[in-house]
Each structure stands twice: as structure tokens, then as C-alpha cells.
């Protein structure tokens, strides 16, 4: 079982589930009914488990080339398992990994249909986009935009659980915030940390294409935009989210995003890239903890 959980990067996946949770509570301003909440949690977990497994399934050939000369680097604390990349290291068969992916994806589709049939389309789109993202590794660094869309699928789906007809304008605000966080806090730092392995296979990534100075600048810009756009997220909520909320969300952005981003920008040290990835992975959980306080103790605007 540990090998399958490593395939799906379960520790990271559980942290990712916090983002749809945050978005749903922000948009609704309260907890949904318990049956909806439990089904949403199961569906989100199944979806993230499936998509992470799909990443390794589609990329198994390239991953084997990357690690032919050496084992995977130590990675990040959120993905520190000794069993990382079990397919590429022949710790799992492709057939068993495919069965694992299909089982979780079917569960995710069933849950999505029960919550809102439109979410089925979002889940399928996420799978297709993940496939495209993996195939573009040796083609173009613009795949970072595809990564942002994949990571946004869960939170966008969460909106349609609690608001069947959400504001399109606010959805685009949410999407921009999520893409900036993914690009600056997850995608470019991960590519930076994997730069030696990516060189072996001719990968097209931001750190390889433009070097550390440009990569560091893009990270700082993307995460600055994340913090700034986060100040407008209360527009989505029926909760009264005034200065205390804004101060808390800015503090989370400074500690988990901007400070480690600036350390990386100054040092160009791949260890700082891994540190930023770890801190940014905790950002959804921090946002969830903040909104929980206001759900429990806050008041509604109407």
C-alpha cells in the first residue's frame, strides 16, 4: 500500500485537498450539510489521488530516463518518501498502477456526478490537461500554464458544489489567484529542484530555459500577485471578512510564500527552491485554518 500511496503522493494530495475546502467555505460562508461535506471530501481525495497517479503513469518513460544515472534527489519534506517515483524505479508494475488510477478516478467521477454533474466535466478536463502537461515536458516551458489549470480544477469544482451558478467574474479572480500560487509556489520551484535530472532528458522548463535570475524573478512576481489577489477573495464570501481576515491572509502569504521566495531569489540555491515548495504546499492549509475561524466566530453580511 505504501508504494501506491507514494505513486499518488498522498501526503501532498492531502494538503492539496485543503484548497477546495477553503474555497467552499469562503464561498458558502458556513459548512454544507454533512452528507455533502463527507461526499465532497471523499471525491476530492479520490480526484487528487487519481491525478497524481496519472502524472507518474504518463511520465514513466521520461522518469526512467531522468533517474537512469542516479536515484531521485532527496526532494521535499512533503514528498520525502523513500518510495518516490515507484513506477520509474520498478517498485510497481504499470498494470497495477493503472488499476489504482482507474479505481480512484471512477470514484471521483461518481462523487462528482452526485455533487453536481457539471463537476464531471471539470474532473475529465483535469485528467486531459494533466496528460497534456506531462507530454509537454520536452516541448515547451509554457506548460506551466497548463499546470495552473490542473491545480485549479479542484477548487473550481468546489465552487460548483456550494454555488451551482457562481459569478463568472469571481471565478476568473479565483482562477488567477490559484494559477499564480501554483506557478510561483509549486511549479517553478519543483523544476528548479529537479534541474539536474531535467537536463539529462532535454526538458523545457523555466529554470533551464532562462536561468536562475529570471526564474527567481518570475517566482517573486507570481507570489506577490498571489498575495495581492488574495486581498480580493472576500468579495466571494457572504461572511464579513474585514481587516482581521486581511491581516491573517497577508501574514500567511508573507511567511509561506514571499519570504522563502525572496530567499531563493537572493541565493539561487536549489535547497531554497525545495524549501519554498514545502512552505507553499502549506499555504492552502493555512487559508483553510483562517477561514475556519471566521466560519465559527464570524458573522454574515446578510
Protein backbone atom coordinates (compact mmCIF):
# COMPACT_ATOMS: atom_id res chain seq x y z
CA UNK A 1 0.00 0.00 0.00
CA UNK A 2 2.88 2.40 0.74
CA UNK A 3 4.01 2.12 -2.87
CA UNK A 4 0.57 3.04 -4.16
CA UNK A 5 0.36 5.98 -1.77
CA UNK A 6 3.80 7.09 -2.94
CA UNK A 7 2.58 6.85 -6.54
CA UNK A 8 -0.22 9.28 -5.66
CA UNK A 9 1.99 11.46 -3.42
CA UNK A 10 -0.64 11.08 -0.75
CA UNK A 11 0.95 13.49 1.73
CA UNK A 12 0.95 16.24 -0.85
CA UNK A 13 -2.51 15.27 -2.06
CA UNK A 14 -3.99 15.60 1.42
CA UNK A 15 -2.51 19.09 1.73
CA UNK A 16 -3.98 19.95 -1.67
CA UNK A 17 -7.47 18.92 -0.52
CA UNK A 18 -7.33 21.88 1.87
CA UNK A 19 -7.63 24.30 -1.07
CA UNK A 20 -11.08 23.12 -2.24
CA UNK A 21 -12.12 23.10 1.41
CA UNK A 22 -11.03 26.70 1.85
CA UNK A 23 -12.75 27.82 -1.36
CA UNK A 24 -16.04 26.08 -0.50
CA UNK A 25 -16.17 27.60 2.99
CA UNK A 26 -15.17 31.03 1.68
CA UNK A 27 -17.87 30.97 -0.99
CA UNK A 28 -20.64 29.49 1.18
CA UNK A 29 -19.73 31.14 4.49
CA UNK A 30 -20.71 28.07 6.50
CA UNK A 31 -20.41 24.29 6.46
CA UNK A 32 -22.54 22.50 3.87
CA UNK A 33 -24.80 19.68 5.09
CA UNK A 34 -22.81 16.74 6.48
CA UNK A 35 -23.67 14.32 3.64
CA UNK A 36 -22.42 16.90 1.12
CA UNK A 37 -19.30 17.61 3.18
CA UNK A 38 -18.34 13.94 3.53
CA UNK A 39 -19.03 13.18 -0.13
CA UNK A 40 -17.01 16.25 -1.15
CA UNK A 41 -14.02 15.17 0.95
CA UNK A 42 -14.08 11.65 -0.50
CA UNK A 43 -14.44 12.98 -4.04
CA UNK A 44 -11.63 15.49 -3.63
CA UNK A 45 -9.30 12.88 -2.14
CA UNK A 46 -10.14 10.44 -4.94
CA UNK A 47 -9.56 13.10 -7.57
CA UNK A 48 -6.16 14.21 -6.28
CA UNK A 49 -5.10 10.58 -5.74
CA UNK A 50 -6.01 9.73 -9.33
CA UNK A 51 -4.41 12.79 -10.95
CA UNK A 52 -1.09 12.39 -9.15
CA UNK A 53 -1.01 8.72 -10.15
CA UNK A 54 -1.78 9.72 -13.74
CA UNK A 55 1.22 12.07 -13.68
CA UNK A 56 3.58 9.19 -12.96
CA UNK A 57 1.83 6.83 -15.37
CA UNK A 58 2.10 9.22 -18.32
CA UNK A 59 5.65 10.26 -17.41
CA UNK A 60 7.07 6.84 -16.54
CA UNK A 61 9.30 6.58 -19.63
CA UNK A 62 10.79 10.04 -19.13
CA UNK A 63 11.18 9.46 -15.38
CA UNK A 64 13.16 6.29 -16.06
CA UNK A 65 15.49 8.27 -18.31
CA UNK A 66 15.83 11.00 -15.68
CA UNK A 67 16.85 8.57 -12.97
CA UNK A 68 18.89 6.12 -15.07
CA UNK A 69 22.15 7.61 -13.85
CA UNK A 70 21.14 8.29 -10.26
CA UNK A 71 18.28 7.90 -7.80
CA UNK A 72 15.80 10.75 -7.37
CA UNK A 73 17.09 13.67 -5.35
CA UNK A 74 16.06 14.00 -1.75
CA UNK A 75 13.08 16.10 -2.72
CA UNK A 76 10.89 18.00 -0.33
CA UNK A 77 9.55 17.20 3.10
CA UNK A 78 6.00 16.91 1.68
CA UNK A 79 7.26 14.31 -0.83
CA UNK A 80 10.13 12.79 1.13
CA UNK A 81 9.13 9.12 0.89
CA UNK A 82 11.91 6.66 0.06
CA UNK A 83 9.42 5.17 -2.40
CA UNK A 84 9.09 8.26 -4.60
CA UNK A 85 8.58 7.51 -8.31
CA UNK A 86 7.76 3.83 -7.69
CA UNK A 87 6.92 3.22 -11.36
CA UNK A 88 10.17 4.64 -12.69
CA UNK A 89 12.10 2.59 -10.14
CA UNK A 90 10.18 -0.62 -10.95
CA UNK A 91 8.65 -0.83 -7.49
CA UNK A 92 5.19 -1.08 -9.07
CA UNK A 93 4.01 -2.55 -12.34
CA UNK A 94 2.31 -0.32 -14.90
CA UNK A 95 -0.74 -2.61 -14.82
CA UNK A 96 -1.22 -2.28 -11.05
CA UNK A 97 -0.64 1.47 -11.20
CA UNK A 98 -3.21 1.78 -13.98
CA UNK A 99 -5.74 -0.20 -11.94
CA UNK A 100 -5.08 2.11 -8.97
CA UNK A 101 -5.58 5.22 -11.12
CA UNK A 102 -8.76 3.95 -12.79
CA UNK A 103 -10.32 2.91 -9.47
CA UNK A 104 -9.80 6.31 -7.85
CA UNK A 105 -10.78 8.24 -10.98
CA UNK A 106 -14.05 6.31 -11.28
CA UNK A 107 -14.76 7.07 -7.61
CA UNK A 108 -14.03 10.73 -8.26
CA UNK A 109 -16.40 10.77 -11.26
CA UNK A 110 -19.19 9.09 -9.28
CA UNK A 111 -18.79 11.57 -6.43
CA UNK A 112 -18.64 14.47 -8.86
CA UNK A 113 -21.88 13.37 -10.54
CA UNK A 114 -23.68 13.10 -7.21
CA UNK A 115 -22.50 16.55 -6.14
CA UNK A 116 -23.14 18.35 -9.45
CA UNK A 117 -22.96 16.69 -12.90
CA UNK A 118 -21.05 19.71 -14.22
CA UNK A 119 -18.14 18.71 -11.97
CA UNK A 120 -17.75 15.52 -14.02
CA UNK A 121 -16.66 17.70 -16.94
CA UNK A 122 -14.18 19.53 -14.68
CA UNK A 123 -12.71 16.21 -13.49
CA UNK A 124 -12.35 14.89 -17.05
CA UNK A 125 -10.79 18.19 -18.15
CA UNK A 126 -8.29 17.94 -15.27
CA UNK A 127 -7.27 14.47 -16.42
CA UNK A 128 -6.85 15.56 -20.04
CA UNK A 129 -4.88 18.66 -19.01
CA UNK A 130 -2.61 16.56 -16.79
CA UNK A 131 -1.91 14.30 -19.76
CA UNK A 132 -1.08 17.36 -21.90
CA UNK A 133 1.10 18.81 -19.14
CA UNK A 134 3.21 15.67 -18.91
CA UNK A 135 3.59 15.39 -22.70
CA UNK A 136 4.85 18.98 -22.95
CA UNK A 137 7.86 18.43 -20.64
CA UNK A 138 10.29 18.22 -23.56
CA UNK A 139 8.33 20.60 -25.78
CA UNK A 140 7.75 23.96 -24.08
CA UNK A 141 8.04 25.75 -20.76
CA UNK A 142 4.56 27.21 -21.37
CA UNK A 143 3.24 24.02 -19.82
CA UNK A 144 3.33 25.93 -16.52
CA UNK A 145 0.00 27.47 -17.55
CA UNK A 146 -1.47 24.01 -18.05
CA UNK A 147 -0.22 23.07 -14.58
CA UNK A 148 -2.04 26.08 -13.15
CA UNK A 149 -5.29 24.94 -14.75
CA UNK A 150 -4.89 21.39 -13.45
CA UNK A 151 -4.26 22.56 -9.88
CA UNK A 152 -7.22 24.94 -10.13
CA UNK A 153 -9.68 22.18 -11.09
CA UNK A 154 -10.33 21.02 -7.52
CA UNK A 155 -11.06 24.45 -6.04
CA UNK A 156 -13.18 25.47 -9.06
CA UNK A 157 -15.15 22.24 -8.69
CA UNK A 158 -15.66 23.07 -5.01
CA UNK A 159 -17.40 26.30 -6.01
CA UNK A 160 -19.92 24.35 -8.07
CA UNK A 161 -20.67 22.15 -5.06
CA UNK A 162 -21.86 25.11 -2.98
CA UNK A 163 -22.90 27.60 -5.72
CA UNK A 164 -24.49 25.96 -8.79
CA UNK A 165 -24.48 29.29 -10.70
CA UNK A 166 -21.43 31.23 -9.47
CA UNK A 167 -20.32 34.63 -10.74
CA UNK A 168 -18.07 34.19 -13.78
CA UNK A 169 -16.13 37.33 -12.81
CA UNK A 170 -15.37 35.94 -9.37
CA UNK A 171 -14.45 32.55 -10.86
CA UNK A 172 -11.81 34.24 -13.01
CA UNK A 173 -10.48 36.06 -9.93
CA UNK A 174 -10.21 32.73 -8.11
CA UNK A 175 -8.58 31.11 -11.14
CA UNK A 176 -5.96 33.88 -11.42
CA UNK A 177 -5.13 33.57 -7.71
CA UNK A 178 -4.75 29.79 -7.95
CA UNK A 179 -2.61 29.89 -11.10
CA UNK A 180 -0.23 32.45 -9.58
CA UNK A 181 0.18 30.31 -6.45
CA UNK A 182 0.78 27.14 -8.46
CA UNK A 183 3.30 28.73 -10.85
CA UNK A 184 5.27 30.65 -8.22
CA UNK A 185 5.00 28.31 -5.27
CA UNK A 186 4.88 24.85 -6.80
CA UNK A 187 5.76 24.50 -10.48
CA UNK A 188 8.86 26.63 -10.99
CA UNK A 189 10.38 25.67 -7.58
CA UNK A 190 9.81 21.98 -8.37
CA UNK A 191 11.51 22.37 -11.75
CA UNK A 192 14.35 24.26 -10.07
CA UNK A 193 14.85 21.42 -7.60
CA UNK A 194 14.88 18.88 -10.46
CA UNK A 195 17.14 20.87 -12.74
CA UNK A 196 19.97 18.31 -12.94
CA UNK A 197 17.62 15.44 -13.77
CA UNK A 198 15.74 17.57 -16.31
CA UNK A 199 18.99 18.42 -18.10
CA UNK A 200 19.54 14.73 -18.86
CA UNK A 201 16.32 14.45 -20.83
CA UNK A 202 16.26 17.85 -22.55
CA UNK A 203 13.29 19.13 -20.58
CA UNK A 204 11.93 22.58 -21.34
CA UNK A 205 11.43 24.33 -18.00
CA UNK A 206 11.66 27.93 -16.85
CA UNK A 207 14.86 27.41 -14.79
CA UNK A 208 16.58 25.59 -17.67
CA UNK A 209 15.38 27.94 -20.40
CA UNK A 210 16.05 31.26 -18.66
CA UNK A 211 18.36 30.58 -15.73
CA UNK A 212 18.01 31.30 -12.01
CA UNK A 213 17.73 35.09 -12.24
CA UNK A 214 14.65 35.06 -14.47
CA UNK A 215 13.15 32.04 -12.69
CA UNK A 216 13.60 33.75 -9.32
CA UNK A 217 12.05 36.96 -10.61
CA UNK A 218 9.03 35.13 -12.01
CA UNK A 219 8.54 33.34 -8.71
CA UNK A 220 8.60 36.59 -6.73
CA UNK A 221 6.21 38.29 -9.18
CA UNK A 222 3.77 35.34 -9.23
CA UNK A 223 3.70 35.03 -5.45
CA UNK A 224 3.37 38.80 -4.97
CA UNK A 225 0.33 38.64 -7.24
CA UNK A 226 -0.96 35.70 -5.18
CA UNK A 227 -0.87 37.78 -2.01
CA UNK A 228 -2.40 40.82 -3.72
CA UNK A 229 -5.20 38.88 -5.41
CA UNK A 230 -5.88 37.14 -2.10
CA UNK A 231 -6.99 40.51 -0.70
CA UNK A 232 -9.95 40.46 -3.12
CA UNK A 233 -11.15 36.94 -2.28
CA UNK A 234 -13.58 38.23 0.41
CA UNK A 235 -15.71 39.53 -2.49
CA UNK A 236 -16.79 35.90 -2.95
CA UNK A 237 -18.00 35.41 0.60
CA UNK A 238 -21.20 36.21 2.49
CA UNK A 239 -19.03 36.45 5.61
CA UNK A 240 -17.88 39.81 6.92
CA UNK A 241 -14.15 39.49 6.29
CA UNK A 242 -12.57 42.77 7.32
CA UNK A 243 -9.12 43.80 8.49
CA UNK A 244 -8.55 40.76 10.77
CA UNK A 245 -9.03 38.39 7.84
CA UNK A 246 -6.92 40.51 5.50
CA UNK A 247 -4.12 40.73 8.06
CA UNK A 248 -4.18 36.96 8.59
CA UNK A 249 -4.12 36.10 4.90
CA UNK A 250 -1.30 38.58 4.20
CA UNK A 251 0.69 37.14 7.11
CA UNK A 252 0.24 33.63 5.67
CA UNK A 253 1.39 34.88 2.28
CA UNK A 254 4.44 36.58 3.71
CA UNK A 255 5.57 33.62 5.82
CA UNK A 256 4.76 30.78 3.42
CA UNK A 257 5.29 32.43 0.04
CA UNK A 258 7.13 35.73 -0.16
CA UNK A 259 9.88 35.29 2.44
CA UNK A 260 11.08 31.90 1.12
CA UNK A 261 10.68 33.23 -2.45
CA UNK A 262 12.98 36.16 -1.66
CA UNK A 263 15.50 33.80 -0.02
CA UNK A 264 15.54 31.74 -3.21
CA UNK A 265 15.81 34.86 -5.39
CA UNK A 266 18.88 36.03 -3.45
CA UNK A 267 20.63 32.67 -3.05
CA UNK A 268 19.78 30.76 -6.27
CA UNK A 269 20.16 27.66 -4.08
CA UNK A 270 18.12 24.62 -5.10
CA UNK A 271 17.66 23.78 -1.41
CA UNK A 272 15.80 27.07 -1.08
CA UNK A 273 13.62 26.01 -4.03
CA UNK A 274 12.67 22.86 -2.11
CA UNK A 275 12.02 24.97 0.99
CA UNK A 276 9.74 27.30 -0.97
CA UNK A 277 7.86 24.32 -2.43
CA UNK A 278 7.30 22.94 1.07
CA UNK A 279 6.14 26.26 2.50
CA UNK A 280 3.86 26.96 -0.46
CA UNK A 281 2.35 23.48 -0.09
CA UNK A 282 1.17 24.54 3.37
CA UNK A 283 -0.49 27.70 2.04
CA UNK A 284 -3.86 26.01 1.30
CA UNK A 285 -3.93 24.56 4.82
CA UNK A 286 -3.17 27.98 6.29
CA UNK A 287 -6.00 29.53 4.26
CA UNK A 288 -8.35 26.78 5.44
CA UNK A 289 -7.44 27.38 9.08
CA UNK A 290 -8.02 31.12 8.68
CA UNK A 291 -11.45 30.79 7.08
CA UNK A 292 -12.49 28.20 9.69
CA UNK A 293 -12.02 30.81 12.40
CA UNK A 294 -14.38 33.19 10.60
CA UNK A 295 -16.91 30.45 9.84
CA UNK A 296 -17.06 29.58 13.54
CA UNK A 297 -16.85 33.08 15.02
CA UNK A 298 -17.63 35.50 12.19
CA UNK A 299 -20.90 36.98 11.03
CA UNK A 300 -22.67 37.17 7.70
CA UNK A 301 -23.19 40.34 5.72
CA UNK A 302 -26.83 39.44 5.08
